[in-house]
Protein backbone atom coordinates (compact mmCIF):
# COMPACT_ATOMS: atom_id res chain seq x y z
CA MET A 1 0.00 0.00 0.00
CA SER A 2 2.77 2.42 0.78
CA GLN A 3 4.33 1.69 -2.64
CA GLN A 4 1.07 2.71 -4.31
CA LEU A 5 0.94 5.93 -2.26
CA LYS A 6 4.51 6.75 -3.26
CA GLY A 7 3.66 6.12 -6.91
CA VAL A 8 0.51 8.26 -6.72
CA ARG A 9 2.46 10.99 -4.89
CA ALA A 10 5.18 10.93 -7.57
CA LEU A 11 2.53 11.11 -10.30
CA GLN A 12 0.88 14.10 -8.58
CA ILE A 13 4.21 15.91 -8.29
CA LEU A 14 4.95 15.17 -11.94
CA LEU A 15 1.55 16.50 -13.03
CA ILE A 16 1.95 19.64 -10.91
CA GLY A 17 5.40 20.20 -12.43
CA ILE A 18 4.04 19.80 -15.97
CA VAL A 19 1.17 22.20 -15.29
CA CYS A 20 3.58 24.78 -13.85
CA MET A 21 5.88 24.47 -16.85
CA LEU A 22 2.95 24.85 -19.24
CA THR A 23 1.80 28.02 -17.49
CA VAL A 24 5.28 29.57 -17.44
CA LEU A 25 6.26 28.53 -20.98
CA PRO A 26 4.10 31.14 -22.81
CA LEU A 27 5.59 33.87 -20.65
CA LEU A 28 9.11 32.77 -21.52
CA VAL A 29 8.30 32.53 -25.22
CA HIS A 30 6.69 35.99 -25.14
CA ALA A 31 9.73 37.42 -23.33
CA GLN A 32 12.01 35.91 -25.99
CA ALA A 33 9.85 37.33 -28.82
CA THR A 34 9.77 40.72 -27.10
CA SER A 35 13.54 40.65 -26.73
CA SER A 36 14.07 39.90 -30.43
CA ASP A 37 11.52 42.58 -31.43
CA LEU A 38 13.28 45.06 -29.17
CA SER A 39 16.68 44.21 -30.63
CA ALA A 40 15.34 44.48 -34.18
CA THR A 41 13.76 47.85 -33.42
CA ILE A 42 16.94 49.18 -31.83
CA ARG A 43 19.00 47.93 -34.80
CA ALA A 44 16.62 49.62 -37.26
CA GLU A 45 16.74 52.90 -35.34
CA LEU A 46 20.55 52.80 -35.19
CA LEU A 47 20.82 52.06 -38.90
CA SER A 48 18.51 54.96 -39.72
CA ASP A 49 20.94 57.33 -37.99
CA PRO A 50 23.68 58.55 -40.38
CA ARG A 51 26.20 58.77 -37.52
CA THR A 52 26.25 54.95 -37.16
CA ALA A 53 27.08 54.36 -40.82
CA SER A 54 30.78 54.23 -40.05
CA LEU A 55 30.40 51.47 -37.41
CA SER A 56 31.44 47.93 -38.22
CA ALA A 57 29.01 45.02 -37.89
CA ALA A 58 30.64 43.84 -34.66
CA GLN A 59 30.43 47.31 -33.13
CA LEU A 60 26.81 47.63 -34.20
CA ASP A 61 25.96 44.19 -32.74
CA ALA A 62 27.65 45.09 -29.46
CA MET A 63 25.78 48.41 -29.29
CA VAL A 64 22.44 46.73 -30.06
CA GLN A 65 23.05 44.08 -27.40
CA LEU A 66 24.03 46.65 -24.78
CA LEU A 67 21.09 48.94 -25.56
CA SER A 68 18.56 46.10 -25.60
CA GLN A 69 19.80 44.84 -22.21
CA GLN A 70 19.42 48.31 -20.70
CA ALA A 71 16.01 48.72 -22.31
CA GLN A 72 14.83 45.40 -20.86
CA LYS A 73 16.07 46.42 -17.39
CA GLN A 74 14.08 49.65 -17.63
CA GLY A 75 10.99 47.95 -19.07
CA VAL A 76 11.12 49.72 -22.43
CA THR A 77 9.30 47.95 -25.26
CA ALA A 78 9.67 48.18 -29.02
CA GLN A 79 6.44 50.18 -29.19
CA ASP A 80 7.92 52.72 -26.76
CA ILE A 81 10.85 53.27 -29.10
CA THR A 82 8.77 53.66 -32.26
CA TRP A 83 6.00 55.75 -30.68
CA ARG A 84 5.54 59.18 -32.22
CA PRO A 85 3.20 61.72 -30.57
CA GLN A 86 0.20 62.76 -32.61
CA PRO A 87 -0.96 66.39 -32.57
CA ALA A 88 -4.12 66.90 -30.55
CA VAL A 89 -7.15 67.68 -32.66
CA ALA A 90 -10.07 69.30 -30.89
CA SER A 91 -13.23 68.46 -32.81
CA GLY A 92 -15.87 71.15 -32.72
CA ALA A 93 -13.82 73.39 -30.45
CA SER A 94 -13.63 77.11 -31.07
CA VAL A 95 -10.13 77.36 -29.62
CA PRO A 96 -7.88 79.47 -31.83
CA ALA A 97 -5.51 77.42 -33.97
CA GLN A 98 -1.74 77.47 -33.51
CA GLY A 99 -1.30 80.28 -36.03
CA GLU A 100 -4.19 82.34 -34.70
CA SER A 101 -3.55 84.28 -31.54
CA CYS A 102 -4.76 87.40 -29.83
CA ASP A 103 -1.68 89.43 -30.77
CA GLY A 104 -2.16 91.77 -27.83
CA ASN A 105 -5.86 92.43 -28.45
CA PHE A 106 -7.21 93.26 -24.98
CA THR A 107 -10.67 91.75 -25.38
CA CYS A 108 -9.27 88.53 -26.84
CA VAL A 109 -6.73 88.24 -24.04
CA MET A 110 -9.47 88.76 -21.45
CA ASP A 111 -11.68 86.16 -23.16
CA GLU A 112 -8.86 83.63 -22.94
CA ALA A 113 -8.11 84.55 -19.33
CA PHE A 114 -11.70 84.11 -18.16
CA GLY A 115 -12.36 80.97 -20.19
CA PHE A 116 -14.89 82.33 -22.66
CA ILE A 117 -12.95 80.80 -25.57
CA GLY A 118 -13.14 77.02 -25.74
CA PRO A 119 -15.55 74.13 -25.40
CA ASP A 120 -15.76 74.17 -21.58
CA ALA A 121 -18.48 76.60 -20.49
CA SER A 122 -18.21 75.96 -16.76
CA ILE A 123 -15.90 78.93 -16.03
CA PRO A 124 -18.16 81.60 -17.63
CA PHE A 125 -21.23 79.94 -16.09
CA PHE A 126 -19.84 80.12 -12.56
CA LEU A 127 -18.58 83.67 -13.11
CA GLY A 128 -22.11 84.67 -14.17
CA MET A 129 -23.61 82.94 -11.12
CA ALA A 130 -21.17 84.72 -8.80
CA SER A 131 -21.86 88.12 -10.35
CA MET A 132 -25.63 87.60 -10.09
CA GLY A 133 -25.22 86.65 -6.44
CA LEU A 134 -23.17 89.78 -5.82
CA ILE A 135 -25.76 91.96 -7.56
CA TRP A 136 -28.48 90.41 -5.40
CA ILE A 137 -26.52 91.10 -2.20
CA ILE A 138 -25.89 94.72 -3.20
CA ALA A 139 -29.57 95.20 -4.10
CA GLU A 140 -30.63 93.83 -0.72
CA MET A 141 -28.23 96.19 1.06
CA ILE A 142 -29.62 99.20 -0.85
CA HIS A 143 -33.18 98.09 -0.18
CA ARG A 144 -32.58 97.69 3.55
CA ARG A 145 -30.94 101.13 3.76
CA LYS A 146 -33.91 102.83 2.05
CA TYR A 147 -36.53 101.19 4.26
CA PRO A 148 -34.92 100.48 7.63
CA HIS A 149 -38.26 100.57 9.45
CA LEU A 150 -39.44 97.49 7.52
CA PHE A 151 -36.56 95.35 8.74
CA ALA A 152 -36.20 96.60 12.33
CA THR A 153 -37.50 94.33 15.06
CA PRO A 154 -40.32 95.93 17.04
CA ALA A 155 -39.48 96.93 20.58
CA ALA A 156 -41.35 95.31 23.44
CA PRO A 157 -44.30 97.41 24.63
CA VAL A 158 -43.65 99.31 27.80
CA SER A 159 -46.31 98.72 30.39
CA GLY A 160 -47.35 101.63 32.57
CA MET A 161 -47.79 99.68 35.73
């Protein structure tokens, strides 16, 4: 009986080992493919630079190997190397284009400063709300000054006893 348990135990360990290897294998293959893609991208970028034209093949291979090792340590991918930023395009926005500017025009500068130019209308909305609140407070102060007897609390009646 103990021989059967040892055989079953060995079979379980073998199956667990195989499952672990099968789960780790795709990661290793992907890392290898990423490494070769990274090296190929670095080589292509170096060859596109006219300053590396005078390097020999051995020097170029050594430089590619060194750069790819450093890139892998830092977590840089081939897509990071070939990425080029795209200019932002605001669809439907009334923001002045790169060539258009206020050129010192006072009203245009003030419109930009207070947020009246652009797709976001929250700044002018809250400025309008604040100014209406201020106008209301000032109107109340003027009204209370004109008619102070309406807002004064009546004094307690004095009894003659």
